[in-house]
Structures are given as C-alpha cells and as structure tokens.
Amino acid sequence: CCNHHDICYDTCGADRMLCDTNFLRCMIDLCRNKYRPQESDISREECKMTAKLFHSVALGAGCGPFM
C-alpha cells in the first residue's frame, strides 16, 4: 500500500485526496483479508485502527509534494 501511495504522490497531476483515499482502502482491505470474520474481531479492528492512523499521518505530512 505504501509503495502505491508513494507512486501516486510522485505522479504528475495526481489528485492528493484520491491518493490518500486509495491508501486507506488498500490498508483496510489488507486487514479484512488477513483477519477473516471467523478470526478475532479484535485483531481485525486493531489492524483497521492502525490503518486509519497511518492514513491520518499521510494526511498531515503529505502536503509537501502537492505544494
């Protein structure tokens, strides 16, 4: 997910919001695939919380490439 996000940021004319949204979706999908419903809901939710934290960091720190 991080590599795709970096490539998106490096793409001339890229839409920052779309890059960041796709980054979050990718991480959430990884959580869903890693922690299936029959497994621990707690682990899946912790994974999603971590994904949202990484997304928040990208939102706060990612403005440089778009200035």
PDB file of N, CA and C in Angstrom:
ATOM      1  N   CYS A   1       0.824  -1.201   0.000  1.00  0.00           N
ATOM      2  CA  CYS A   1       0.000   0.000   0.000  1.00  0.00           C
ATOM      3  C   CYS A   1       0.865   1.260   0.000  1.00  0.00           C
ATOM      4  N   CYS A   2       1.934   1.207   0.778  1.00  0.00           N
ATOM      5  CA  CYS A   2       2.813   2.378   0.869  1.00  0.00           C
ATOM      6  C   CYS A   2       3.482   2.670  -0.470  1.00  0.00           C
ATOM      7  N   ASN A   3       3.923   1.628  -1.154  1.00  0.00           N
ATOM      8  CA  ASN A   3       4.568   1.834  -2.453  1.00  0.00           C
ATOM      9  C   ASN A   3       3.602   2.456  -3.453  1.00  0.00           C
ATOM     10  N   HIS A   4       2.366   1.955  -3.495  1.00  0.00           N
ATOM     11  CA  HIS A   4       1.363   2.520  -4.404  1.00  0.00           C
ATOM     12  C   HIS A   4       1.076   3.976  -4.046  1.00  0.00           C
ATOM     13  N   HIS A   5       1.029   4.268  -2.762  1.00  0.00           N
ATOM     14  CA  HIS A   5       0.779   5.630  -2.305  1.00  0.00           C
ATOM     15  C   HIS A   5       1.923   6.545  -2.732  1.00  0.00           C
ATOM     16  N   ASP A   6       3.148   6.079  -2.558  1.00  0.00           N
ATOM     17  CA  ASP A   6       4.311   6.873  -2.967  1.00  0.00           C
ATOM     18  C   ASP A   6       4.309   7.120  -4.471  1.00  0.00           C
ATOM     19  N   ILE A   7       3.976   6.101  -5.236  1.00  0.00           N
ATOM     20  CA  ILE A   7       3.917   6.251  -6.693  1.00  0.00           C
ATOM     21  C   ILE A   7       2.833   7.251  -7.072  1.00  0.00           C
ATOM     22  N   CYS A   8       1.708   7.185  -6.408  1.00  0.00           N
ATOM     23  CA  CYS A   8       0.620   8.130  -6.680  1.00  0.00           C
ATOM     24  C   CYS A   8       1.078   9.563  -6.411  1.00  0.00           C
ATOM     25  N   TYR A   9       1.753   9.770  -5.277  1.00  0.00           N
ATOM     26  CA  TYR A   9       2.247  11.103  -4.940  1.00  0.00           C
ATOM     27  C   TYR A   9       3.277  11.590  -5.955  1.00  0.00           C
ATOM     28  N   ASP A  10       4.039  10.672  -6.521  1.00  0.00           N
ATOM     29  CA  ASP A  10       5.076  11.046  -7.486  1.00  0.00           C
ATOM     30  C   ASP A  10       4.540  11.249  -8.894  1.00  0.00           C
ATOM     31  N   THR A  11       3.267  10.951  -9.103  1.00  0.00           N
ATOM     32  CA  THR A  11       2.671  11.068 -10.425  1.00  0.00           C
ATOM     33  C   THR A  11       2.216  12.502 -10.670  1.00  0.00           C
ATOM     34  N   CYS A  12       2.740  13.092 -11.723  1.00  0.00           N
ATOM     35  CA  CYS A  12       2.393  14.476 -12.061  1.00  0.00           C
ATOM     36  C   CYS A  12       0.885  14.583 -12.297  1.00  0.00           C
ATOM     37  N   GLY A  13       0.264  15.552 -11.664  1.00  0.00           N
ATOM     38  CA  GLY A  13      -1.163  15.789 -11.831  1.00  0.00           C
ATOM     39  C   GLY A  13      -2.059  14.896 -10.984  1.00  0.00           C
ATOM     40  N   ALA A  14      -1.455  14.106 -10.105  1.00  0.00           N
ATOM     41  CA  ALA A  14      -2.251  13.207  -9.263  1.00  0.00           C
ATOM     42  C   ALA A  14      -3.134  14.002  -8.305  1.00  0.00           C
ATOM     43  N   ASP A  15      -4.275  13.451  -7.991  1.00  0.00           N
ATOM     44  CA  ASP A  15      -5.192  14.047  -7.029  1.00  0.00           C
ATOM     45  C   ASP A  15      -4.830  13.531  -5.638  1.00  0.00           C
ATOM     46  N   ARG A  16      -4.395  14.429  -4.782  1.00  0.00           N
ATOM     47  CA  ARG A  16      -3.919  14.028  -3.461  1.00  0.00           C
ATOM     48  C   ARG A  16      -4.991  13.274  -2.677  1.00  0.00           C
ATOM     49  N   MET A  17      -6.218  13.765  -2.699  1.00  0.00           N
ATOM     50  CA  MET A  17      -7.285  13.121  -1.941  1.00  0.00           C
ATOM     51  C   MET A  17      -7.503  11.690  -2.436  1.00  0.00           C
ATOM     52  N   LEU A  18      -7.440  11.503  -3.746  1.00  0.00           N
ATOM     53  CA  LEU A  18      -7.603  10.166  -4.309  1.00  0.00           C
ATOM     54  C   LEU A  18      -6.442   9.259  -3.887  1.00  0.00           C
ATOM     55  N   CYS A  19      -5.217   9.784  -3.912  1.00  0.00           N
ATOM     56  CA  CYS A  19      -4.055   9.008  -3.455  1.00  0.00           C
ATOM     57  C   CYS A  19      -4.253   8.557  -2.011  1.00  0.00           C
ATOM     58  N   ASP A  20      -4.661   9.487  -1.155  1.00  0.00           N
ATOM     59  CA  ASP A  20      -4.817   9.181   0.267  1.00  0.00           C
ATOM     60  C   ASP A  20      -5.990   8.236   0.523  1.00  0.00           C
ATOM     61  N   THR A  21      -7.083   8.420  -0.204  1.00  0.00           N
ATOM     62  CA  THR A  21      -8.243   7.542  -0.053  1.00  0.00           C
ATOM     63  C   THR A  21      -7.908   6.121  -0.493  1.00  0.00           C
ATOM     64  N   ASN A  22      -7.207   6.000  -1.609  1.00  0.00           N
ATOM     65  CA  ASN A  22      -6.807   4.670  -2.084  1.00  0.00           C
ATOM     66  C   ASN A  22      -5.834   4.005  -1.117  1.00  0.00           C
ATOM     67  N   PHE A  23      -4.992   4.795  -0.485  1.00  0.00           N
ATOM     68  CA  PHE A  23      -4.056   4.292   0.521  1.00  0.00           C
ATOM     69  C   PHE A  23      -4.830   3.665   1.686  1.00  0.00           C
ATOM     70  N   LEU A  24      -5.826   4.378   2.188  1.00  0.00           N
ATOM     71  CA  LEU A  24      -6.637   3.859   3.289  1.00  0.00           C
ATOM     72  C   LEU A  24      -7.393   2.601   2.861  1.00  0.00           C
ATOM     73  N   ARG A  25      -8.011   2.642   1.699  1.00  0.00           N
ATOM     74  CA  ARG A  25      -8.758   1.470   1.214  1.00  0.00           C
ATOM     75  C   ARG A  25      -7.861   0.248   1.096  1.00  0.00           C
ATOM     76  N   CYS A  26      -6.661   0.446   0.584  1.00  0.00           N
ATOM     77  CA  CYS A  26      -5.717  -0.658   0.437  1.00  0.00           C
ATOM     78  C   CYS A  26      -5.400  -1.279   1.794  1.00  0.00           C
ATOM     79  N   MET A  27      -5.119  -0.433   2.775  1.00  0.00           N
ATOM     80  CA  MET A  27      -4.781  -0.952   4.105  1.00  0.00           C
ATOM     81  C   MET A  27      -5.972  -1.648   4.757  1.00  0.00           C
ATOM     82  N   ILE A  28      -7.170  -1.082   4.622  1.00  0.00           N
ATOM     83  CA  ILE A  28      -8.371  -1.708   5.188  1.00  0.00           C
ATOM     84  C   ILE A  28      -8.616  -3.061   4.522  1.00  0.00           C
ATOM     85  N   ASP A  29      -8.422  -3.126   3.210  1.00  0.00           N
ATOM     86  CA  ASP A  29      -8.578  -4.404   2.505  1.00  0.00           C
ATOM     87  C   ASP A  29      -7.584  -5.439   3.014  1.00  0.00           C
ATOM     88  N   LEU A  30      -6.359  -5.005   3.284  1.00  0.00           N
ATOM     89  CA  LEU A  30      -5.368  -5.930   3.841  1.00  0.00           C
ATOM     90  C   LEU A  30      -5.826  -6.465   5.195  1.00  0.00           C
ATOM     91  N   CYS A  31      -6.389  -5.602   6.010  1.00  0.00           N
ATOM     92  CA  CYS A  31      -6.897  -6.032   7.322  1.00  0.00           C
ATOM     93  C   CYS A  31      -8.018  -7.048   7.157  1.00  0.00           C
ATOM     94  N   ARG A  32      -8.939  -6.774   6.247  1.00  0.00           N
ATOM     95  CA  ARG A  32     -10.069  -7.686   6.018  1.00  0.00           C
ATOM     96  C   ARG A  32      -9.584  -9.046   5.518  1.00  0.00           C
ATOM     97  N   ASN A  33      -8.575  -9.028   4.646  1.00  0.00           N
ATOM     98  CA  ASN A  33      -8.068 -10.286   4.094  1.00  0.00           C
ATOM     99  C   ASN A  33      -7.226 -11.065   5.097  1.00  0.00           C
ATOM    100  N   LYS A  34      -6.501 -10.349   5.937  1.00  0.00           N
ATOM    101  CA  LYS A  34      -5.647 -11.017   6.922  1.00  0.00           C
ATOM    102  C   LYS A  34      -6.469 -11.597   8.069  1.00  0.00           C
ATOM    103  N   TYR A  35      -7.470 -10.856   8.529  1.00  0.00           N
ATOM    104  CA  TYR A  35      -8.288 -11.274   9.671  1.00  0.00           C
ATOM    105  C   TYR A  35      -9.710 -11.531   9.197  1.00  0.00           C
ATOM    106  N   ARG A  36      -9.953 -12.728   8.765  1.00  0.00           N
ATOM    107  CA  ARG A  36     -11.274 -13.133   8.284  1.00  0.00           C
ATOM    108  C   ARG A  36     -12.281 -13.118   9.435  1.00  0.00           C
ATOM    109  N   PRO A  37     -13.586 -13.053   9.111  1.00  0.00           N
ATOM    110  CA  PRO A  37     -14.616 -12.989  10.162  1.00  0.00           C
ATOM    111  C   PRO A  37     -14.540 -14.103  11.203  1.00  0.00           C
ATOM    112  N   GLN A  38     -14.101 -15.284  10.809  1.00  0.00           N
ATOM    113  CA  GLN A  38     -14.032 -16.372  11.778  1.00  0.00           C
ATOM    114  C   GLN A  38     -12.880 -16.189  12.770  1.00  0.00           C
ATOM    115  N   GLU A  39     -11.990 -15.252  12.478  1.00  0.00           N
ATOM    116  CA  GLU A  39     -10.879 -14.983  13.388  1.00  0.00           C
ATOM    117  C   GLU A  39     -11.269 -13.881  14.369  1.00  0.00           C
ATOM    118  N   SER A  40     -10.321 -13.457  15.125  1.00  0.00           N
ATOM    119  CA  SER A  40     -10.555 -12.459  16.163  1.00  0.00           C
ATOM    120  C   SER A  40     -11.005 -11.118  15.592  1.00  0.00           C
ATOM    121  N   ASP A  41     -12.176 -10.676  16.024  1.00  0.00           N
ATOM    122  CA  ASP A  41     -12.651  -9.350  15.642  1.00  0.00           C
ATOM    123  C   ASP A  41     -11.739  -8.272  16.202  1.00  0.00           C
ATOM    124  N   ILE A  42     -11.165  -8.528  17.363  1.00  0.00           N
ATOM    125  CA  ILE A  42     -10.292  -7.539  17.998  1.00  0.00           C
ATOM    126  C   ILE A  42      -9.064  -7.291  17.131  1.00  0.00           C
ATOM    127  N   SER A  43      -8.443  -8.342  16.631  1.00  0.00           N
ATOM    128  CA  SER A  43      -7.261  -8.184  15.776  1.00  0.00           C
ATOM    129  C   SER A  43      -7.601  -7.416  14.507  1.00  0.00           C
ATOM    130  N   ARG A  44      -8.739  -7.719  13.908  1.00  0.00           N
ATOM    131  CA  ARG A  44      -9.152  -7.023  12.693  1.00  0.00           C
ATOM    132  C   ARG A  44      -9.391  -5.549  12.977  1.00  0.00           C
ATOM    133  N   GLU A  45     -10.045  -5.248  14.082  1.00  0.00           N
ATOM    134  CA  GLU A  45     -10.317  -3.851  14.429  1.00  0.00           C
ATOM    135  C   GLU A  45      -9.032  -3.102  14.779  1.00  0.00           C
ATOM    136  N   GLU A  46      -8.108  -3.766  15.454  1.00  0.00           N
ATOM    137  CA  GLU A  46      -6.819  -3.135  15.751  1.00  0.00           C
ATOM    138  C   GLU A  46      -6.066  -2.830  14.462  1.00  0.00           C
ATOM    139  N   CYS A  47      -6.131  -3.743  13.517  1.00  0.00           N
ATOM    140  CA  CYS A  47      -5.495  -3.531  12.222  1.00  0.00           C
ATOM    141  C   CYS A  47      -6.113  -2.316  11.520  1.00  0.00           C
ATOM    142  N   LYS A  48      -7.433  -2.232  11.532  1.00  0.00           N
ATOM    143  CA  LYS A  48      -8.117  -1.095  10.907  1.00  0.00           C
ATOM    144  C   LYS A  48      -7.763   0.217  11.602  1.00  0.00           C
ATOM    145  N   MET A  49      -7.651   0.187  12.924  1.00  0.00           N
ATOM    146  CA  MET A  49      -7.273   1.402  13.660  1.00  0.00           C
ATOM    147  C   MET A  49      -5.864   1.841  13.267  1.00  0.00           C
ATOM    148  N   THR A  50      -4.958   0.890  13.103  1.00  0.00           N
ATOM    149  CA  THR A  50      -3.598   1.207  12.674  1.00  0.00           C
ATOM    150  C   THR A  50      -3.616   1.783  11.263  1.00  0.00           C
ATOM    151  N   ALA A  51      -4.429   1.213  10.389  1.00  0.00           N
ATOM    152  CA  ALA A  51      -4.558   1.727   9.023  1.00  0.00           C
ATOM    153  C   ALA A  51      -5.048   3.173   9.041  1.00  0.00           C
ATOM    154  N   LYS A  52      -6.021   3.456   9.878  1.00  0.00           N
ATOM    155  CA  LYS A  52      -6.549   4.823   9.971  1.00  0.00           C
ATOM    156  C   LYS A  52      -5.510   5.780  10.537  1.00  0.00           C
ATOM    157  N   LEU A  53      -4.687   5.298  11.458  1.00  0.00           N
ATOM    158  CA  LEU A  53      -3.607   6.121  11.998  1.00  0.00           C
ATOM    159  C   LEU A  53      -2.602   6.455  10.901  1.00  0.00           C
ATOM    160  N   PHE A  54      -2.180   5.463  10.125  1.00  0.00           N
ATOM    161  CA  PHE A  54      -1.241   5.700   9.021  1.00  0.00           C
ATOM    162  C   PHE A  54      -1.845   6.679   8.017  1.00  0.00           C
ATOM    163  N   HIS A  55      -3.129   6.531   7.744  1.00  0.00           N
ATOM    164  CA  HIS A  55      -3.820   7.434   6.823  1.00  0.00           C
ATOM    165  C   HIS A  55      -3.796   8.860   7.365  1.00  0.00           C
ATOM    166  N   SER A  56      -4.051   9.021   8.658  1.00  0.00           N
ATOM    167  CA  SER A  56      -4.024  10.349   9.282  1.00  0.00           C
ATOM    168  C   SER A  56      -2.648  10.981   9.179  1.00  0.00           C
ATOM    169  N   VAL A  57      -1.615  10.178   9.368  1.00  0.00           N
ATOM    170  CA  VAL A  57      -0.246  10.689   9.242  1.00  0.00           C
ATOM    171  C   VAL A  57      -0.002  11.149   7.806  1.00  0.00           C
ATOM    172  N   ALA A  58      -0.450  10.363   6.843  1.00  0.00           N
ATOM    173  CA  ALA A  58      -0.285  10.747   5.438  1.00  0.00           C
ATOM    174  C   ALA A  58      -1.028  12.047   5.142  1.00  0.00           C
ATOM    175  N   LEU A  59      -2.209  12.212   5.725  1.00  0.00           N
ATOM    176  CA  LEU A  59      -2.972  13.447   5.519  1.00  0.00           C
ATOM    177  C   LEU A  59      -2.232  14.649   6.082  1.00  0.00           C
ATOM    178  N   GLY A  60      -1.617  14.466   7.246  1.00  0.00           N
ATOM    179  CA  GLY A  60      -0.932  15.578   7.894  1.00  0.00           C
ATOM    180  C   GLY A  60       0.433  15.884   7.325  1.00  0.00           C
ATOM    181  N   ALA A  61       1.135  14.864   6.854  1.00  0.00           N
ATOM    182  CA  ALA A  61       2.518  15.053   6.424  1.00  0.00           C
ATOM    183  C   ALA A  61       2.682  15.039   4.914  1.00  0.00           C
ATOM    184  N   GLY A  62       1.650  14.707   4.203  1.00  0.00           N
ATOM    185  CA  GLY A  62       1.798  14.505   2.769  1.00  0.00           C
ATOM    186  C   GLY A  62       1.635  15.728   1.903  1.00  0.00           C
ATOM    187  N   CYS A  63       1.482  16.886   2.488  1.00  0.00           N
ATOM    188  CA  CYS A  63       1.193  18.068   1.668  1.00  0.00           C
ATOM    189  C   CYS A  63       2.393  18.541   0.864  1.00  0.00           C
ATOM    190  N   GLY A  64       3.613  18.248   1.302  1.00  0.00           N
ATOM    191  CA  GLY A  64       4.815  18.718   0.618  1.00  0.00           C
ATOM    192  C   GLY A  64       4.834  18.479  -0.879  1.00  0.00           C
ATOM    193  N   PRO A  65       4.565  17.261  -1.341  1.00  0.00           N
ATOM    194  CA  PRO A  65       4.606  17.004  -2.776  1.00  0.00           C
ATOM    195  C   PRO A  65       3.560  17.782  -3.574  1.00  0.00           C
ATOM    196  N   PHE A  66       2.550  18.306  -2.903  1.00  0.00           N
ATOM    197  CA  PHE A  66       1.479  18.998  -3.608  1.00  0.00           C
ATOM    198  C   PHE A  66       1.561  20.513  -3.495  1.00  0.00           C
ATOM    199  N   MET A  67       2.667  21.015  -2.987  1.00  0.00           N
ATOM    200  CA  MET A  67       2.818  22.472  -2.866  1.00  0.00           C
ATOM    201  C   MET A  67       3.632  23.004  -4.019  1.00  0.00           C
TER     202      MET A  67
END
